[in-house]
Amino acid sequence: MNKWVSVALCICGLGLGGMMLTGDSDGGRVLIENAPYITDGKINPDHEGKVVIVAGKLKTEEPAADEELGISFDSPILKRNVHVMVEKGSGSDIKRSWESMASSNIARMYKSAPPVITFYGVVKAGDFILDKTLLKKFAAGVNVNSLPRTVSYKGTPLYHETESGIHYLTNREQSLVFPHLDGDYRISYTKSSLEENQEKTLVGIQKGNRLLGEGTVDGIEFFGQEWNGILTRENILKNNDNFDFILTVLGYALSVALIAGGIYSFKKS
């Protein structure tokens, strides 16, 4: 069996190395090199389906909202984080811990808990509406503390509680006598740190009045980018080149490690 593992490691290493050698990252670079650079936020129909660079201030026209719970904050991106209380063991050895619903096995076990969802508002750069495929590149990692005291989810009352400075809505009111039990859940929110009129440089695909964060242009799969501040085309290309170099080094290093591990394992077996 060890020999088969060794062979698999070598094949994976060779496959990764081959992908690094034959991979073509120049296509995306060419698209950026030829992309219209827009500073007035105006949409030109001639750029339809092309990669464009839009530099300027962002404006949130509609904040993100969790309509199921009737919650909205002054943020274009809002993420509902859900944890459930999981009991393990039996008798006096039962241990309880909060586990994230982002884990697929937890989600299957506790279907009554609300799902983890990211909500998007309406954000514009000039006349462009940022599609959620581009908005999702913005981090939503700022904890929300101004939660309501009580709300409900599908008829179940939710109560406010805090732990380690993080605010939650939970389906069981906090009590020293009756702690949270298996299947109880609690919800917290994180939001984007994007400020109103914050200057950004966005690289995306123009589709109607929207700026997409992913798609295919001239047969090349392209993924959008967002940068703080106003960047020149040259700075965007330089940042991409630096990032590609780091990925290339890490890719080759992993390829060599897999092959070396496979050879070593084969000799030991």
Foldseek 3Di string as FASTA:
>chain_A
DLLVLLVVLLVVLVVLVVCLVPPDPVVQVVLLVPAAEAEQQDDDPVQAQGKHKYWFFKAFPWDWADVQFGDTDPFQKKKKWKWFWAWDDDDPPIDIDTDTCVDPVNCVVQVVDDHIDMTGGWMGRRLATEDVQQVVVFDQAAWDDPDDQWTAGPPQIWGWDDDPRGIWTWSDPDDPVDHHDGNTMIITMTGGPDDGRFIKMKIAHDHPRYGHQWDAGPNRTHGMDMDGDGDDSVVVSVVVVVVVVVVSVVSNVSSVVSNVVSVVSNVVD
